Amino acid sequence: NITVEAGAQGKVAAEVVAAGAAYGHSELLGGEKINVEFISANPTGPLH
């Protein structure tokens, strides 16, 4: 069970603000080219 110093934990706030919209992004799947097909429909009527 690990307790982190307040200063070390508090740095997270600065890291989030500095990263902005990129916070949470990673290169976990970097280099992978993925196709997501998620609607297959007839062009004969409204989407349901």
ModelCIF file with pLDDT and N, C-alpha, C, O atoms, coordinates in Angstrom:
data_MODEL
#
_entry.id   MODEL 
#
_entity.id                         1 
_entity.type                       polymer 
_entity.pdbx_number_of_molecules   1 
#
_entity_poly.entity_id                      1 
_entity_poly.type                           'polypeptide(L)' 
_entity_poly.nstd_linkage                   no 
_entity_poly.nstd_monomer                   no 
_entity_poly.pdbx_seq_one_letter_code       NITVEAGAQGKVAAEVVAAGAAYGHSELLGGEKINVEFISANPTGPLH 
_entity_poly.pdbx_seq_one_letter_code_can   NITVEAGAQGKVAAEVVAAGAAYGHSELLGGEKINVEFISANPTGPLH 
_entity_poly.pdbx_strand_id                 A 
#
loop_
_entity_poly_seq.entity_id 
_entity_poly_seq.num 
_entity_poly_seq.mon_id 
_entity_poly_seq.hetero 
1 1  ASN n 
1 2  ILE n 
1 3  THR n 
1 4  VAL n 
1 5  GLU n 
1 6  ALA n 
1 7  GLY n 
1 8  ALA n 
1 9  GLN n 
1 10 GLY n 
1 11 LYS n 
1 12 VAL n 
1 13 ALA n 
1 14 ALA n 
1 15 GLU n 
1 16 VAL n 
1 17 VAL n 
1 18 ALA n 
1 19 ALA n 
1 20 GLY n 
1 21 ALA n 
1 22 ALA n 
1 23 TYR n 
1 24 GLY n 
1 25 HIS n 
1 26 SER n 
1 27 GLU n 
1 28 LEU n 
1 29 LEU n 
1 30 GLY n 
1 31 GLY n 
1 32 GLU n 
1 33 LYS n 
1 34 ILE n 
1 35 ASN n 
1 36 VAL n 
1 37 GLU n 
1 38 PHE n 
1 39 ILE n 
1 40 SER n 
1 41 ALA n 
1 42 ASN n 
1 43 PRO n 
1 44 THR n 
1 45 GLY n 
1 46 PRO n 
1 47 LEU n 
1 48 HIS n 
#
_struct_asym.id          A 
_struct_asym.entity_id   1 
#
loop_
_ma_qa_metric.id 
_ma_qa_metric.mode 
_ma_qa_metric.name 
_ma_qa_metric.software_group_id 
_ma_qa_metric.type 
1 global pLDDT . pLDDT 
2 local  pLDDT . pLDDT 
#
_ma_qa_metric_global.metric_id      1 
_ma_qa_metric_global.metric_value   93.73 
_ma_qa_metric_global.model_id       1 
_ma_qa_metric_global.ordinal_id     1 
#
loop_
_ma_qa_metric_local.label_asym_id 
_ma_qa_metric_local.label_comp_id 
_ma_qa_metric_local.label_seq_id 
_ma_qa_metric_local.metric_id 
_ma_qa_metric_local.metric_value 
_ma_qa_metric_local.model_id 
_ma_qa_metric_local.ordinal_id 
A ASN 1  2 93.00 1 1  
A ILE 2  2 94.00 1 2  
A THR 3  2 91.00 1 3  
A VAL 4  2 91.00 1 4  
A GLU 5  2 89.00 1 5  
A ALA 6  2 85.00 1 6  
A GLY 7  2 86.00 1 7  
A ALA 8  2 88.00 1 8  
A GLN 9  2 90.00 1 9  
A GLY 10 2 92.00 1 10 
A LYS 11 2 93.00 1 11 
A VAL 12 2 94.00 1 12 
A ALA 13 2 95.00 1 13 
A ALA 14 2 94.00 1 14 
A GLU 15 2 94.00 1 15 
A VAL 16 2 96.00 1 16 
A VAL 17 2 96.00 1 17 
A ALA 18 2 94.00 1 18 
A ALA 19 2 95.00 1 19 
A GLY 20 2 96.00 1 20 
A ALA 21 2 97.00 1 21 
A ALA 22 2 97.00 1 22 
A TYR 23 2 97.00 1 23 
A GLY 24 2 97.00 1 24 
A HIS 25 2 97.00 1 25 
A SER 26 2 96.00 1 26 
A GLU 27 2 96.00 1 27 
A LEU 28 2 96.00 1 28 
A LEU 29 2 97.00 1 29 
A GLY 30 2 96.00 1 30 
A GLY 31 2 95.00 1 31 
A GLU 32 2 97.00 1 32 
A LYS 33 2 98.00 1 33 
A ILE 34 2 98.00 1 34 
A ASN 35 2 98.00 1 35 
A VAL 36 2 98.00 1 36 
A GLU 37 2 97.00 1 37 
A PHE 38 2 94.00 1 38 
A ILE 39 2 91.00 1 39 
A SER 40 2 89.00 1 40 
A ALA 41 2 89.00 1 41 
A ASN 42 2 91.00 1 42 
A PRO 43 2 94.00 1 43 
A THR 44 2 94.00 1 44 
A GLY 45 2 91.00 1 45 
A PRO 46 2 92.00 1 46 
A LEU 47 2 92.00 1 47 
A HIS 48 2 89.00 1 48 
#
loop_
_atom_site.group_PDB 
_atom_site.id 
_atom_site.type_symbol 
_atom_site.label_atom_id 
_atom_site.label_alt_id 
_atom_site.label_comp_id 
_atom_site.label_asym_id 
_atom_site.label_entity_id 
_atom_site.label_seq_id 
_atom_site.pdbx_PDB_ins_code 
_atom_site.Cartn_x 
_atom_site.Cartn_y 
_atom_site.Cartn_z 
_atom_site.occupancy 
_atom_site.B_iso_or_equiv 
_atom_site.pdbx_formal_charge 
_atom_site.auth_seq_id 
_atom_site.auth_comp_id 
_atom_site.auth_asym_id 
_atom_site.auth_atom_id 
_atom_site.pdbx_PDB_model_num 
ATOM 1   N N  . ASN A 1 1  ? 0.863   -1.175 0.000   1.00 93.00 ? 1  ASN A N  1 
ATOM 2   C CA . ASN A 1 1  ? 0.000   0.000  0.000   1.00 93.00 ? 1  ASN A CA 1 
ATOM 3   C C  . ASN A 1 1  ? 0.904   1.231  0.000   1.00 93.00 ? 1  ASN A C  1 
ATOM 4   O O  . ASN A 1 1  ? 1.725   1.413  0.899   1.00 93.00 ? 1  ASN A O  1 
ATOM 5   N N  . ILE A 1 2  ? 0.741   2.069  -1.020  1.00 94.00 ? 2  ILE A N  1 
ATOM 6   C CA . ILE A 1 2  ? 1.675   3.167  -1.245  1.00 94.00 ? 2  ILE A CA 1 
ATOM 7   C C  . ILE A 1 2  ? 0.972   4.504  -1.071  1.00 94.00 ? 2  ILE A C  1 
ATOM 8   O O  . ILE A 1 2  ? -0.097  4.735  -1.636  1.00 94.00 ? 2  ILE A O  1 
ATOM 9   N N  . THR A 1 3  ? 1.577   5.371  -0.291  1.00 91.00 ? 3  THR A N  1 
ATOM 10  C CA . THR A 1 3  ? 1.073   6.733  -0.111  1.00 91.00 ? 3  THR A CA 1 
ATOM 11  C C  . THR A 1 3  ? 1.999   7.693  -0.854  1.00 91.00 ? 3  THR A C  1 
ATOM 12  O O  . THR A 1 3  ? 3.216   7.671  -0.675  1.00 91.00 ? 3  THR A O  1 
ATOM 13  N N  . VAL A 1 4  ? 1.402   8.522  -1.680  1.00 91.00 ? 4  VAL A N  1 
ATOM 14  C CA . VAL A 1 4  ? 2.159   9.455  -2.508  1.00 91.00 ? 4  VAL A CA 1 
ATOM 15  C C  . VAL A 1 4  ? 2.201   10.816 -1.822  1.00 91.00 ? 4  VAL A C  1 
ATOM 16  O O  . VAL A 1 4  ? 1.214   11.233 -1.216  1.00 91.00 ? 4  VAL A O  1 
ATOM 17  N N  . GLU A 1 5  ? 3.330   11.509 -1.910  1.00 89.00 ? 5  GLU A N  1 
ATOM 18  C CA . GLU A 1 5  ? 3.437   12.855 -1.357  1.00 89.00 ? 5  GLU A CA 1 
ATOM 19  C C  . GLU A 1 5  ? 2.442   13.786 -2.032  1.00 89.00 ? 5  GLU A C  1 
ATOM 20  O O  . GLU A 1 5  ? 2.169   13.650 -3.224  1.00 89.00 ? 5  GLU A O  1 
ATOM 21  N N  . ALA A 1 6  ? 1.904   14.727 -1.274  1.00 85.00 ? 6  ALA A N  1 
ATOM 22  C CA . ALA A 1 6  ? 0.910   15.658 -1.826  1.00 85.00 ? 6  ALA A CA 1 
ATOM 23  C C  . ALA A 1 6  ? 1.464   16.395 -3.033  1.00 85.00 ? 6  ALA A C  1 
ATOM 24  O O  . ALA A 1 6  ? 0.752   16.600 -4.016  1.00 85.00 ? 6  ALA A O  1 
ATOM 25  N N  . GLY A 1 7  ? 2.730   16.796 -2.967  1.00 86.00 ? 7  GLY A N  1 
ATOM 26  C CA . GLY A 1 7  ? 3.321   17.520 -4.087  1.00 86.00 ? 7  GLY A CA 1 
ATOM 27  C C  . GLY A 1 7  ? 3.381   16.685 -5.347  1.00 86.00 ? 7  GLY A C  1 
ATOM 28  O O  . GLY A 1 7  ? 3.099   17.175 -6.441  1.00 86.00 ? 7  GLY A O  1 
ATOM 29  N N  . ALA A 1 8  ? 3.753   15.408 -5.192  1.00 88.00 ? 8  ALA A N  1 
ATOM 30  C CA . ALA A 1 8  ? 3.829   14.519 -6.352  1.00 88.00 ? 8  ALA A CA 1 
ATOM 31  C C  . ALA A 1 8  ? 2.445   14.247 -6.923  1.00 88.00 ? 8  ALA A C  1 
ATOM 32  O O  . ALA A 1 8  ? 2.266   14.213 -8.140  1.00 88.00 ? 8  ALA A O  1 
ATOM 33  N N  . GLN A 1 9  ? 1.452   14.052 -6.030  1.00 90.00 ? 9  GLN A N  1 
ATOM 34  C CA . GLN A 1 9  ? 0.092   13.815 -6.495  1.00 90.00 ? 9  GLN A CA 1 
ATOM 35  C C  . GLN A 1 9  ? -0.481  15.064 -7.146  1.00 90.00 ? 9  GLN A C  1 
ATOM 36  O O  . GLN A 1 9  ? -1.172  14.983 -8.162  1.00 90.00 ? 9  GLN A O  1 
ATOM 37  N N  . GLY A 1 10 ? -0.190  16.218 -6.557  1.00 92.00 ? 10 GLY A N  1 
ATOM 38  C CA . GLY A 1 10 ? -0.736  17.464 -7.075  1.00 92.00 ? 10 GLY A CA 1 
ATOM 39  C C  . GLY A 1 10 ? -0.238  17.816 -8.454  1.00 92.00 ? 10 GLY A C  1 
ATOM 40  O O  . GLY A 1 10 ? -0.895  18.565 -9.178  1.00 92.00 ? 10 GLY A O  1 
ATOM 41  N N  . LYS A 1 11 ? 0.920   17.286 -8.834  1.00 93.00 ? 11 LYS A N  1 
ATOM 42  C CA . LYS A 1 11 ? 1.460   17.578 -10.168 1.00 93.00 ? 11 LYS A CA 1 
ATOM 43  C C  . LYS A 1 11 ? 0.538   17.073 -11.276 1.00 93.00 ? 11 LYS A C  1 
ATOM 44  O O  . LYS A 1 11 ? 0.589   17.560 -12.406 1.00 93.00 ? 11 LYS A O  1 
ATOM 45  N N  . VAL A 1 12 ? -0.303  16.096 -10.943 1.00 94.00 ? 12 VAL A N  1 
ATOM 46  C CA . VAL A 1 12 ? -1.250  15.572 -11.940 1.00 94.00 ? 12 VAL A CA 1 
ATOM 47  C C  . VAL A 1 12 ? -2.105  16.699 -12.507 1.00 94.00 ? 12 VAL A C  1 
ATOM 48  O O  . VAL A 1 12 ? -2.366  16.742 -13.709 1.00 94.00 ? 12 VAL A O  1 
ATOM 49  N N  . ALA A 1 13 ? -2.542  17.616 -11.634 1.00 95.00 ? 13 ALA A N  1 
ATOM 50  C CA . ALA A 1 13 ? -3.401  18.713 -12.095 1.00 95.00 ? 13 ALA A CA 1 
ATOM 51  C C  . ALA A 1 13 ? -2.687  19.546 -13.152 1.00 95.00 ? 13 ALA A C  1 
ATOM 52  O O  . ALA A 1 13 ? -3.275  19.906 -14.172 1.00 95.00 ? 13 ALA A O  1 
ATOM 53  N N  . ALA A 1 14 ? -1.418  19.851 -12.905 1.00 94.00 ? 14 ALA A N  1 
ATOM 54  C CA . ALA A 1 14 ? -0.651  20.638 -13.869 1.00 94.00 ? 14 ALA A CA 1 
ATOM 55  C C  . ALA A 1 14 ? -0.461  19.871 -15.172 1.00 94.00 ? 14 ALA A C  1 
ATOM 56  O O  . ALA A 1 14 ? -0.512  20.460 -16.252 1.00 94.00 ? 14 ALA A O  1 
ATOM 57  N N  . GLU A 1 15 ? -0.243  18.563 -15.078 1.00 94.00 ? 15 GLU A N  1 
ATOM 58  C CA . GLU A 1 15 ? -0.051  17.743 -16.277 1.00 94.00 ? 15 GLU A CA 1 
ATOM 59  C C  . GLU A 1 15 ? -1.319  17.719 -17.123 1.00 94.00 ? 15 GLU A C  1 
ATOM 60  O O  . GLU A 1 15 ? -1.255  17.777 -18.351 1.00 94.00 ? 15 GLU A O  1 
ATOM 61  N N  . VAL A 1 16 ? -2.471  17.634 -16.460 1.00 96.00 ? 16 VAL A N  1 
ATOM 62  C CA . VAL A 1 16 ? -3.742  17.633 -17.193 1.00 96.00 ? 16 VAL A CA 1 
ATOM 63  C C  . VAL A 1 16 ? -3.935  18.958 -17.914 1.00 96.00 ? 16 VAL A C  1 
ATOM 64  O O  . VAL A 1 16 ? -4.267  18.982 -19.099 1.00 96.00 ? 16 VAL A O  1 
ATOM 65  N N  . VAL A 1 17 ? -3.727  20.060 -17.201 1.00 96.00 ? 17 VAL A N  1 
ATOM 66  C CA . VAL A 1 17 ? -3.933  21.382 -17.801 1.00 96.00 ? 17 VAL A CA 1 
ATOM 67  C C  . VAL A 1 17 ? -2.976  21.598 -18.963 1.00 96.00 ? 17 VAL A C  1 
ATOM 68  O O  . VAL A 1 17 ? -3.364  22.138 -19.999 1.00 96.00 ? 17 VAL A O  1 
ATOM 69  N N  . ALA A 1 18 ? -1.715  21.175 -18.792 1.00 94.00 ? 18 ALA A N  1 
ATOM 70  C CA . ALA A 1 18 ? -0.727  21.357 -19.857 1.00 94.00 ? 18 ALA A CA 1 
ATOM 71  C C  . ALA A 1 18 ? -1.083  20.537 -21.098 1.00 94.00 ? 18 ALA A C  1 
ATOM 72  O O  . ALA A 1 18 ? -0.893  20.994 -22.225 1.00 94.00 ? 18 ALA A O  1 
ATOM 73  N N  . ALA A 1 19 ? -1.590  19.342 -20.889 1.00 95.00 ? 19 ALA A N  1 
ATOM 74  C CA . ALA A 1 19 ? -1.932  18.473 -22.027 1.00 95.00 ? 19 ALA A CA 1 
ATOM 75  C C  . ALA A 1 19 ? -3.224  18.896 -22.708 1.00 95.00 ? 19 ALA A C  1 
ATOM 76  O O  . ALA A 1 19 ? -3.364  18.726 -23.919 1.00 95.00 ? 19 ALA A O  1 
ATOM 77  N N  . GLY A 1 20 ? -4.173  19.446 -21.952 1.00 96.00 ? 20 GLY A N  1 
ATOM 78  C CA . GLY A 1 20 ? -5.434  19.901 -22.524 1.00 96.00 ? 20 GLY A CA 1 
ATOM 79  C C  . GLY A 1 20 ? -6.212  18.776 -23.181 1.00 96.00 ? 20 GLY A C  1 
ATOM 80  O O  . GLY A 1 20 ? -6.408  17.717 -22.585 1.00 96.00 ? 20 GLY A O  1 
ATOM 81  N N  . ALA A 1 21 ? -6.658  19.008 -24.416 1.00 97.00 ? 21 ALA A N  1 
ATOM 82  C CA . ALA A 1 21 ? -7.480  18.017 -25.132 1.00 97.00 ? 21 ALA A CA 1 
ATOM 83  C C  . ALA A 1 21 ? -6.735  16.715 -25.388 1.00 97.00 ? 21 ALA A C  1 
ATOM 84  O O  . ALA A 1 21 ? -7.356  15.690 -25.669 1.00 97.00 ? 21 ALA A O  1 
ATOM 85  N N  . ALA A 1 22 ? -5.403  16.747 -25.294 1.00 97.00 ? 22 ALA A N  1 
ATOM 86  C CA . ALA A 1 22 ? -4.623  15.535 -25.544 1.00 97.00 ? 22 ALA A CA 1 
ATOM 87  C C  . ALA A 1 22 ? -4.488  14.659 -24.296 1.00 97.00 ? 22 ALA A C  1 
ATOM 88  O O  . ALA A 1 22 ? -3.975  13.543 -24.377 1.00 97.00 ? 22 ALA A O  1 
ATOM 89  N N  . TYR A 1 23 ? -4.949  15.162 -23.130 1.00 97.00 ? 23 TYR A N  1 
ATOM 90  C CA . TYR A 1 23 ? -4.808  14.356 -21.925 1.00 97.00 ? 23 TYR A CA 1 
ATOM 91  C C  . TYR A 1 23 ? -5.664  13.092 -22.040 1.00 97.00 ? 23 TYR A C  1 
ATOM 92  O O  . TYR A 1 23 ? -6.840  13.148 -22.399 1.00 97.00 ? 23 TYR A O  1 
ATOM 93  N N  . GLY A 1 24 ? -5.052  11.973 -21.731 1.00 97.00 ? 24 GLY A N  1 
ATOM 94  C CA . GLY A 1 24 ? -5.724  10.685 -21.874 1.00 97.00 ? 24 GLY A CA 1 
ATOM 95  C C  . GLY A 1 24 ? -5.350  9.965  -23.148 1.00 97.00 ? 24 GLY A C  1 
ATOM 96  O O  . GLY A 1 24 ? -5.598  8.767  -23.280 1.00 97.00 ? 24 GLY A O  1 
ATOM 97  N N  . HIS A 1 25 ? -4.749  10.687 -24.101 1.00 97.00 ? 25 HIS A N  1 
ATOM 98  C CA . HIS A 1 25 ? -4.314  10.049 -25.346 1.00 97.00 ? 25 HIS A CA 1 
ATOM 99  C C  . HIS A 1 25 ? -2.991  9.325  -25.118 1.00 97.00 ? 25 HIS A C  1 
ATOM 100 O O  . HIS A 1 25 ? -2.210  9.696  -24.242 1.00 97.00 ? 25 HIS A O  1 
ATOM 101 N N  . SER A 1 26 ? -2.754  8.304  -25.905 1.00 96.00 ? 26 SER A N  1 
ATOM 102 C CA . SER A 1 26 ? -1.530  7.522  -25.775 1.00 96.00 ? 26 SER A CA 1 
ATOM 103 C C  . SER A 1 26 ? -1.146  6.952  -27.134 1.00 96.00 ? 26 SER A C  1 
ATOM 104 O O  . SER A 1 26 ? -1.843  7.152  -28.129 1.00 96.00 ? 26 SER A O  1 
ATOM 105 N N  . GLU A 1 27 ? -0.042  6.249  -27.155 1.00 96.00 ? 27 GLU A N  1 
ATOM 106 C CA . GLU A 1 27 ? 0.399   5.542  -28.355 1.00 96.00 ? 27 GLU A CA 1 
ATOM 107 C C  . GLU A 1 27 ? 0.281   4.033  -28.155 1.00 96.00 ? 27 GLU A C  1 
ATOM 108 O O  . GLU A 1 27 ? 1.002   3.253  -28.778 1.00 96.00 ? 27 GLU A O  1 
ATOM 109 N N  . LEU A 1 28 ? -0.639  3.635  -27.276 1.00 96.00 ? 28 LEU A N  1 
ATOM 110 C CA . LEU A 1 28 ? -0.838  2.219  -27.002 1.00 96.00 ? 28 LEU A CA 1 
ATOM 111 C C  . LEU A 1 28 ? -1.056  1.420  -28.287 1.00 96.00 ? 28 LEU A C  1 
ATOM 112 O O  . LEU A 1 28 ? -0.513  0.326  -28.445 1.00 96.00 ? 28 LEU A O  1 
ATOM 113 N N  . LEU A 1 29 ? -1.857  1.975  -29.205 1.00 97.00 ? 29 LEU A N  1 
ATOM 114 C CA . LEU A 1 29 ? -2.150  1.296  -30.476 1.00 97.00 ? 29 LEU A CA 1 
ATOM 115 C C  . LEU A 1 29 ? -1.480  2.019  -31.638 1.00 97.00 ? 29 LEU A C  1 
ATOM 116 O O  . LEU A 1 29 ? -1.903  1.888  -32.787 1.00 97.00 ? 29 LEU A O  1 
ATOM 117 N N  . GLY A 1 30 ? -0.444  2.775  -31.335 1.00 96.00 ? 30 GLY A N  1 
ATOM 118 C CA . GLY A 1 30 ? 0.251   3.522  -32.379 1.00 96.00 ? 30 GLY A CA 1 
ATOM 119 C C  . GLY A 1 30 ? 0.748   2.600  -33.487 1.00 96.00 ? 30 GLY A C  1 
ATOM 120 O O  . GLY A 1 30 ? 1.297   1.530  -33.223 1.00 96.00 ? 30 GLY A O  1 
ATOM 121 N N  . GLY A 1 31 ? 0.548   3.032  -34.734 1.00 95.00 ? 31 GLY A N  1 
ATOM 122 C CA . GLY A 1 31 ? 0.978   2.233  -35.877 1.00 95.00 ? 31 GLY A CA 1 
ATOM 123 C C  . GLY A 1 31 ? -0.071  1.279  -36.397 1.00 95.00 ? 31 GLY A C  1 
ATOM 124 O O  . GLY A 1 31 ? 0.071   0.751  -37.499 1.00 95.00 ? 31 GLY A O  1 
ATOM 125 N N  . GLU A 1 32 ? -1.138  1.042  -35.619 1.00 97.00 ? 32 GLU A N  1 
ATOM 126 C CA . GLU A 1 32 ? -2.196  0.142  -36.079 1.00 97.00 ? 32 GLU A CA 1 
ATOM 127 C C  . GLU A 1 32 ? -3.196  0.893  -36.944 1.00 97.00 ? 32 GLU A C  1 
ATOM 128 O O  . GLU A 1 32 ? -3.624  1.997  -36.608 1.00 97.00 ? 32 GLU A O  1 
ATOM 129 N N  . LYS A 1 33 ? -3.557  0.284  -38.054 1.00 98.00 ? 33 LYS A N  1 
ATOM 130 C CA . LYS A 1 33 ? -4.555  0.861  -38.951 1.00 98.00 ? 33 LYS A CA 1 
ATOM 131 C C  . LYS A 1 33 ? -5.820  0.011  -38.821 1.00 98.00 ? 33 LYS A C  1 
ATOM 132 O O  . LYS A 1 33 ? -5.837  -1.158 -39.207 1.00 98.00 ? 33 LYS A O  1 
ATOM 133 N N  . ILE A 1 34 ? -6.875  0.613  -38.273 1.00 98.00 ? 34 ILE A N  1 
ATOM 134 C CA . ILE A 1 34 ? -8.081  -0.140 -37.910 1.00 98.00 ? 34 ILE A CA 1 
ATOM 135 C C  . ILE A 1 34 ? -9.297  0.381  -38.673 1.00 98.00 ? 34 ILE A C  1 
ATOM 136 O O  . ILE A 1 34 ? -9.530  1.587  -38.751 1.00 98.00 ? 34 ILE A O  1 
ATOM 137 N N  . ASN A 1 35 ? -10.063 -0.550 -39.230 1.00 98.00 ? 35 ASN A N  1 
ATOM 138 C CA . ASN A 1 35 ? -11.324 -0.219 -39.892 1.00 98.00 ? 35 ASN A CA 1 
ATOM 139 C C  . ASN A 1 35 ? -12.471 -0.604 -38.970 1.00 98.00 ? 35 ASN A C  1 
ATOM 140 O O  . ASN A 1 35 ? -12.556 -1.744 -38.514 1.00 98.00 ? 35 ASN A O  1 
ATOM 141 N N  . VAL A 1 36 ? -13.350 0.350  -38.698 1.00 98.00 ? 36 VAL A N  1 
ATOM 142 C CA . VAL A 1 36 ? -14.531 0.075  -37.875 1.00 98.00 ? 36 VAL A CA 1 
ATOM 143 C C  . VAL A 1 36 ? -15.766 0.232  -38.753 1.00 98.00 ? 36 VAL A C  1 
ATOM 144 O O  . VAL A 1 36 ? -16.127 1.344  -39.137 1.00 98.00 ? 36 VAL A O  1 
ATOM 145 N N  . GLU A 1 37 ? -16.410 -0.885 -39.065 1.00 97.00 ? 37 GLU A N  1 
ATOM 146 C CA . GLU A 1 37 ? -17.654 -0.866 -39.844 1.00 97.00 ? 37 GLU A CA 1 
ATOM 147 C C  . GLU A 1 37 ? -18.800 -1.033 -38.861 1.00 97.00 ? 37 GLU A C  1 
ATOM 148 O O  . GLU A 1 37 ? -18.963 -2.092 -38.255 1.00 97.00 ? 37 GLU A O  1 
ATOM 149 N N  . PHE A 1 38 ? -19.598 0.028  -38.708 1.00 94.00 ? 38 PHE A N  1 
ATOM 150 C CA . PHE A 1 38 ? -20.587 -0.060 -37.647 1.00 94.00 ? 38 PHE A CA 1 
ATOM 151 C C  . PHE A 1 38 ? -22.002 0.295  -38.042 1.00 94.00 ? 38 PHE A C  1 
ATOM 152 O O  . PHE A 1 38 ? -22.881 0.330  -37.182 1.00 94.00 ? 38 PHE A O  1 
ATOM 153 N N  . ILE A 1 39 ? -22.249 0.553  -39.288 1.00 91.00 ? 39 ILE A N  1 
ATOM 154 C CA . ILE A 1 39 ? -23.637 0.541  -39.760 1.00 91.00 ? 39 ILE A CA 1 
ATOM 155 C C  . ILE A 1 39 ? -23.626 -0.091 -41.139 1.00 91.00 ? 39 ILE A C  1 
ATOM 156 O O  . ILE A 1 39 ? -22.863 0.310  -42.017 1.00 91.00 ? 39 ILE A O  1 
ATOM 157 N N  . SER A 1 40 ? -24.476 -1.075 -41.315 1.00 89.00 ? 40 SER A N  1 
ATOM 158 C CA . SER A 1 40 ? -24.682 -1.698 -42.617 1.00 89.00 ? 40 SER A CA 1 
ATOM 159 C C  . SER A 1 40 ? -26.178 -1.628 -42.883 1.00 89.00 ? 40 SER A C  1 
ATOM 160 O O  . SER A 1 40 ? -26.967 -2.297 -42.216 1.00 89.00 ? 40 SER A O  1 
ATOM 161 N N  . ALA A 1 41 ? -26.565 -0.816 -43.862 1.00 89.00 ? 41 ALA A N  1 
ATOM 162 C CA . ALA A 1 41 ? -27.999 -0.570 -44.048 1.00 89.00 ? 41 ALA A CA 1 
ATOM 163 C C  . ALA A 1 41 ? -28.357 -0.477 -45.515 1.00 89.00 ? 41 ALA A C  1 
ATOM 164 O O  . ALA A 1 41 ? -27.528 -0.141 -46.361 1.00 89.00 ? 41 ALA A O  1 
ATOM 165 N N  . ASN A 1 42 ? -29.625 -0.787 -45.798 1.00 91.00 ? 42 ASN A N  1 
ATOM 166 C CA . ASN A 1 42 ? -30.156 -0.588 -47.148 1.00 91.00 ? 42 ASN A CA 1 
ATOM 167 C C  . ASN A 1 42 ? -30.435 0.899  -47.356 1.00 91.00 ? 42 ASN A C  1 
ATOM 168 O O  . ASN A 1 42 ? -30.919 1.562  -46.439 1.00 91.00 ? 42 ASN A O  1 
ATOM 169 N N  . PRO A 1 43 ? -30.145 1.431  -48.526 1.00 94.00 ? 43 PRO A N  1 
ATOM 170 C CA . PRO A 1 43 ? -30.453 2.843  -48.793 1.00 94.00 ? 43 PRO A CA 1 
ATOM 171 C C  . PRO A 1 43 ? -31.895 3.003  -49.257 1.00 94.00 ? 43 PRO A C  1 
ATOM 172 O O  . PRO A 1 43 ? -32.182 3.751  -50.192 1.00 94.00 ? 43 PRO A O  1 
ATOM 173 N N  . THR A 1 44 ? -32.797 2.288  -48.589 1.00 94.00 ? 44 THR A N  1 
ATOM 174 C CA . THR A 1 44 ? -34.185 2.241  -49.037 1.00 94.00 ? 44 THR A CA 1 
ATOM 175 C C  . THR A 1 44 ? -35.153 2.852  -48.030 1.00 94.00 ? 44 THR A C  1 
ATOM 176 O O  . THR A 1 44 ? -36.368 2.805  -48.225 1.00 94.00 ? 44 THR A O  1 
ATOM 177 N N  . GLY A 1 45 ? -34.618 3.426  -46.953 1.00 91.00 ? 45 GLY A N  1 
ATOM 178 C CA . GLY A 1 45 ? -35.504 4.012  -45.949 1.00 91.00 ? 45 GLY A CA 1 
ATOM 179 C C  . GLY A 1 45 ? -34.708 4.678  -44.851 1.00 91.00 ? 45 GLY A C  1 
ATOM 180 O O  . GLY A 1 45 ? -33.478 4.659  -44.868 1.00 91.00 ? 45 GLY A O  1 
ATOM 181 N N  . PRO A 1 46 ? -35.402 5.264  -43.900 1.00 92.00 ? 46 PRO A N  1 
ATOM 182 C CA . PRO A 1 46 ? -34.732 5.953  -42.788 1.00 92.00 ? 46 PRO A CA 1 
ATOM 183 C C  . PRO A 1 46 ? -33.969 4.977  -41.887 1.00 92.00 ? 46 PRO A C  1 
ATOM 184 O O  . PRO A 1 46 ? -34.288 3.789  -41.837 1.00 92.00 ? 46 PRO A O  1 
ATOM 185 N N  . LEU A 1 47 ? -32.977 5.481  -41.190 1.00 92.00 ? 47 LEU A N  1 
ATOM 186 C CA . LEU A 1 47 ? -32.250 4.685  -40.210 1.00 92.00 ? 47 LEU A CA 1 
ATOM 187 C C  . LEU A 1 47 ? -33.122 4.475  -38.983 1.00 92.00 ? 47 LEU A C  1 
ATOM 188 O O  . LEU A 1 47 ? -33.863 5.374  -38.583 1.00 92.00 ? 47 LEU A O  1 
ATOM 189 N N  . HIS A 1 48 ? -33.037 3.287  -38.382 1.00 89.00 ? 48 HIS A N  1 
ATOM 190 C CA . HIS A 1 48 ? -33.939 2.946  -37.286 1.00 89.00 ? 48 HIS A CA 1 
ATOM 191 C C  . HIS A 1 48 ? -33.201 2.820  -35.949 1.00 89.00 ? 48 HIS A C  1 
ATOM 192 O O  . HIS A 1 48 ? -33.822 2.536  -34.925 1.00 89.00 ? 48 HIS A O  1 
#
